[in-house]
Amino acid sequence: MSLKPITLWGHDSGPNAWKVAMILEELNVPYTHKMIDFPDMKKQPYESINPNGRVPAIEDPNTGITLWETGAIIEYLVETYDKQHTISFAIGTKEYFEAKQWMYYEVSGQGPYFGQAVWFTVYHPEKLPGVIDRYVNEIGRVSGVLDRFLKDKEFLVGGKFSYADAAFVTWYAVVPLFGDKIHLEKDFPVLNAWLERTKARPAIAKILQDREAAMKAK
C-alpha cells in the first residue's frame, strides 16, 4: 500500500524539524515540509495544530494523527513506520530502552542548553557574559558526556546507527557561533568523529543540504 505524504511543519533555521526530516528520509516515508514563520506559529490556523505555537508538528493522513514535540514525533515515526527496525530496536529490548534514554537526554540536556546559548549569544539585546558562559559551559558538559560514552563505540546504541544518533546532529551546527569557546575536533575528538560518521549517511547529508539551502533562500 502506498503511503500518503506526511505534512511536516518546520522553520528554515530551527534545528528541531530538521531532525524529524532526517528520520522521514531514513525511513523513506513520503512527506511535505512546510515552512512557517515565527509570528504565524503563535496564531491560527497553526495553533490548532500545535497549541504550543512552535515547530515541529506533523499531520499524518495515513493514521489521522496530528502530533507535536520533537521526541514524541520521532518515537511515533519509528514505532509506526520502522517495523524492520532499520534505525530503531524491537520493543521491550535493552536497546529499545537505551535509545529512548538517549533521546530524552537530547531533548532535555542538549536542546535547552544549546538553545539558550544561542539566544544569549546572538539574540538577547543585552550581553550577559556570566549567562553566556553558563550555557556555553553546558554545551561542553553535554559534549563531554557523549565523548566519554562513545569511546570505542561507533554509535550510541546496539552497535548501529539509530534515531538516537540522528537526534543530536542539528544542534551541533550552532557551535561555530561560540568562536574559540568550543572546539569539537580538539576537545571532543570521539564525539566529532561520531558526528562526521552520522552526517555522512545519505539521508542525513541530504537534510543538512536542504537546511542550508532553506536558510540561504530566506
Protein backbone atom coordinates (compact mmCIF):
# COMPACT_ATOMS: atom_id res chain seq x y z
CA MET A 1 0.00 0.00 0.00
CA SER A 2 1.40 3.37 -0.97
CA LEU A 3 1.65 5.96 1.77
CA LYS A 4 0.23 9.45 1.59
CA PRO A 5 2.78 12.18 2.35
CA ILE A 6 3.04 13.30 5.96
CA THR A 7 2.93 17.06 6.45
CA LEU A 8 5.92 18.27 8.47
CA TRP A 9 5.74 21.82 9.78
CA GLY A 10 9.10 23.49 10.32
CA HIS A 11 11.20 26.62 10.08
CA ASP A 12 14.21 27.23 7.87
CA SER A 13 16.72 27.87 10.67
CA GLY A 14 15.25 25.97 13.62
CA PRO A 15 17.02 22.66 14.27
CA ASN A 16 14.18 20.51 15.54
CA ALA A 17 12.00 19.98 12.47
CA TRP A 18 15.11 19.02 10.51
CA LYS A 19 15.65 16.16 12.96
CA VAL A 20 12.21 14.85 12.06
CA ALA A 21 13.00 15.24 8.36
CA MET A 22 16.11 13.10 8.87
CA ILE A 23 14.01 10.28 10.32
CA LEU A 24 11.48 10.51 7.49
CA GLU A 25 14.32 10.35 4.95
CA GLU A 26 15.98 7.42 6.69
CA LEU A 27 12.66 5.52 6.69
CA ASN A 28 11.82 6.55 3.12
CA VAL A 29 8.43 7.85 4.27
CA PRO A 30 6.98 10.48 1.89
CA TYR A 31 6.46 13.92 3.37
CA THR A 32 5.84 17.55 2.56
CA HIS A 33 7.96 20.02 4.51
CA LYS A 34 6.01 23.22 5.07
CA MET A 35 7.90 26.24 6.37
CA ILE A 36 6.18 28.64 8.73
CA ASP A 37 7.48 31.97 10.04
CA PHE A 38 7.76 32.58 13.78
CA PRO A 39 4.86 35.08 14.06
CA ASP A 40 2.48 32.67 12.30
CA MET A 41 3.30 29.89 14.77
CA LYS A 42 1.54 31.82 17.52
CA LYS A 43 -1.81 32.23 15.79
CA GLN A 44 -4.45 30.32 13.89
CA PRO A 45 -4.59 28.21 11.87
CA TYR A 46 -1.24 26.77 13.08
CA GLU A 47 -2.18 26.91 16.77
CA SER A 48 -4.93 24.39 16.06
CA ILE A 49 -2.17 22.00 15.00
CA ASN A 50 0.26 22.85 17.82
CA PRO A 51 -1.21 24.81 20.75
CA ASN A 52 2.35 25.46 21.96
CA GLY A 53 2.99 27.53 18.86
CA ARG A 54 6.31 26.01 17.92
CA VAL A 55 7.74 23.61 15.36
CA PRO A 56 7.89 20.80 14.51
CA ALA A 57 4.47 19.32 14.18
CA ILE A 58 3.23 16.61 11.86
CA GLU A 59 -0.09 15.70 10.32
CA ASP A 60 -0.20 12.06 9.22
CA PRO A 61 -3.06 11.32 6.80
CA ASN A 62 -2.23 7.61 6.94
CA THR A 63 -3.24 7.33 10.58
CA GLY A 64 -5.20 10.54 11.21
CA ILE A 65 -2.70 11.53 13.90
CA THR A 66 -1.51 15.10 14.46
CA LEU A 67 1.48 15.35 16.80
CA TRP A 68 3.93 17.90 18.15
CA GLU A 69 7.10 17.81 20.28
CA THR A 70 10.19 16.51 18.50
CA GLY A 71 10.90 13.48 20.67
CA ALA A 72 7.29 12.32 20.60
CA ILE A 73 7.17 12.69 16.81
CA ILE A 74 10.37 10.72 16.30
CA GLU A 75 9.21 7.91 18.57
CA TYR A 76 5.89 7.82 16.74
CA LEU A 77 7.57 7.63 13.34
CA VAL A 78 9.91 4.78 14.21
CA GLU A 79 7.24 2.77 16.02
CA THR A 80 4.75 3.28 13.17
CA TYR A 81 6.97 3.08 10.10
CA ASP A 82 10.14 1.20 11.11
CA LYS A 83 8.72 -2.29 11.55
CA GLN A 84 12.01 -3.77 10.32
CA HIS A 85 13.94 -1.78 12.96
CA THR A 86 16.39 -0.32 10.49
CA ILE A 87 17.03 2.71 12.74
CA SER A 88 15.29 1.50 15.90
CA PHE A 89 15.04 -1.58 18.08
CA ALA A 90 12.47 -4.23 18.91
CA ILE A 91 10.02 -3.12 21.58
CA GLY A 92 10.94 -4.25 25.05
CA THR A 93 14.60 -5.00 24.35
CA LYS A 94 17.51 -3.46 26.23
CA GLU A 95 18.40 -1.40 23.16
CA TYR A 96 14.82 -0.15 22.80
CA PHE A 97 15.01 1.50 26.21
CA GLU A 98 18.59 2.70 25.77
CA ALA A 99 17.59 4.52 22.58
CA LYS A 100 14.78 6.24 24.49
CA GLN A 101 17.29 7.17 27.20
CA TRP A 102 19.49 9.00 24.70
CA MET A 103 16.50 10.64 23.04
CA TYR A 104 15.37 12.04 26.39
CA TYR A 105 18.90 13.18 27.14
CA GLU A 106 18.90 15.05 23.85
CA VAL A 107 15.54 16.77 24.33
CA SER A 108 16.22 17.67 27.98
CA GLY A 109 20.00 18.00 28.08
CA GLN A 110 21.16 19.14 24.66
CA GLY A 111 18.35 21.18 23.13
CA PRO A 112 17.59 23.55 26.04
CA TYR A 113 21.23 24.36 26.82
CA PHE A 114 22.29 24.78 23.21
CA GLY A 115 19.21 26.87 22.52
CA GLN A 116 19.80 29.19 25.45
CA ALA A 117 23.46 29.54 24.49
CA VAL A 118 22.38 30.70 21.03
CA TRP A 119 19.75 33.06 22.42
CA PHE A 120 22.05 34.85 24.86
CA THR A 121 24.99 34.92 22.43
CA VAL A 122 23.14 36.12 19.33
CA TYR A 123 19.65 37.43 20.04
CA HIS A 124 19.38 38.77 23.59
CA PRO A 125 19.55 42.59 23.47
CA GLU A 126 21.84 42.80 26.50
CA LYS A 127 25.13 40.90 26.56
CA LEU A 128 25.41 38.98 29.83
CA PRO A 129 28.83 37.30 29.95
CA GLY A 130 28.03 35.21 33.02
CA VAL A 131 24.87 33.82 31.46
CA ILE A 132 26.58 33.14 28.13
CA ASP A 133 29.39 31.32 29.91
CA ARG A 134 26.88 29.28 31.88
CA TYR A 135 25.20 27.89 28.77
CA VAL A 136 28.32 27.52 26.65
CA ASN A 137 29.88 25.57 29.53
CA GLU A 138 26.83 23.30 29.46
CA ILE A 139 27.49 22.63 25.78
CA GLY A 140 30.92 21.44 26.85
CA ARG A 141 29.48 19.30 29.64
CA VAL A 142 26.90 17.64 27.37
CA SER A 143 29.57 17.07 24.74
CA GLY A 144 31.88 15.55 27.31
CA VAL A 145 29.24 13.01 28.32
CA LEU A 146 28.87 11.92 24.70
CA ASP A 147 32.62 11.95 24.05
CA ARG A 148 33.33 9.68 27.01
CA PHE A 149 30.46 7.32 26.34
CA LEU A 150 31.30 6.88 22.66
CA LYS A 151 34.89 5.83 23.30
CA ASP A 152 35.33 2.51 21.45
CA LYS A 153 31.75 2.74 20.14
CA GLU A 154 30.63 3.52 16.60
CA PHE A 155 27.13 4.65 17.57
CA LEU A 156 25.13 5.23 20.74
CA VAL A 157 23.03 2.07 20.93
CA GLY A 158 23.41 -1.52 19.83
CA GLY A 159 26.44 -1.00 17.59
CA LYS A 160 24.38 0.51 14.79
CA PHE A 161 23.08 3.89 13.65
CA SER A 162 19.68 4.68 15.11
CA TYR A 163 17.29 7.57 15.57
CA ALA A 164 19.11 8.34 18.82
CA ASP A 165 22.23 9.32 16.89
CA ALA A 166 20.30 11.44 14.40
CA ALA A 167 18.63 13.42 17.17
CA PHE A 168 21.88 15.12 18.22
CA VAL A 169 23.13 16.30 14.82
CA THR A 170 21.37 19.55 14.06
CA TRP A 171 22.10 21.40 17.32
CA TYR A 172 25.83 20.91 16.77
CA ALA A 173 25.59 23.19 13.73
CA VAL A 174 25.46 26.15 16.15
CA VAL A 175 28.90 25.51 17.64
CA PRO A 176 30.73 27.94 15.30
CA LEU A 177 28.68 30.77 16.85
CA PHE A 178 30.75 30.46 20.02
CA GLY A 179 34.12 31.05 18.42
CA ASP A 180 37.09 29.87 20.46
CA LYS A 181 34.97 28.74 23.41
CA ILE A 182 34.13 25.33 21.90
CA HIS A 183 36.50 23.19 19.80
CA LEU A 184 34.82 19.91 18.89
CA GLU A 185 37.69 18.44 16.89
CA LYS A 186 40.31 19.25 19.52
CA ASP A 187 38.40 18.91 22.79
CA PHE A 188 35.90 16.17 21.87
CA PRO A 189 37.55 14.10 19.11
CA VAL A 190 35.46 10.98 19.72
CA LEU A 191 32.25 12.98 19.59
CA ASN A 192 33.44 14.81 16.48
CA ALA A 193 34.24 11.57 14.67
CA TRP A 194 30.79 10.18 15.57
CA LEU A 195 29.11 13.32 14.22
CA GLU A 196 31.05 13.04 10.98
CA ARG A 197 30.05 9.37 10.60
CA THR A 198 26.43 10.26 11.19
CA LYS A 199 26.45 13.26 8.86
CA ALA A 200 27.98 11.11 6.09
CA ARG A 201 24.83 8.99 5.83
CA PRO A 202 22.99 9.88 2.61
CA ALA A 203 19.68 10.72 4.31
CA ILE A 204 21.36 12.88 6.95
CA ALA A 205 23.58 14.62 4.40
CA LYS A 206 20.55 15.38 2.21
CA ILE A 207 18.68 17.06 5.06
CA LEU A 208 21.72 19.10 6.08
CA GLN A 209 21.99 20.30 2.48
CA ASP A 210 18.25 21.04 2.39
CA ARG A 211 18.53 23.04 5.60
CA GLU A 212 21.48 25.07 4.29
CA ALA A 213 19.58 25.81 1.07
CA ALA A 214 16.47 26.87 3.00
CA MET A 215 18.48 29.23 5.20
CA LYS A 216 20.21 30.79 2.19
CA ALA A 217 16.88 31.25 0.42
CA LYS A 218 15.35 33.11 3.37
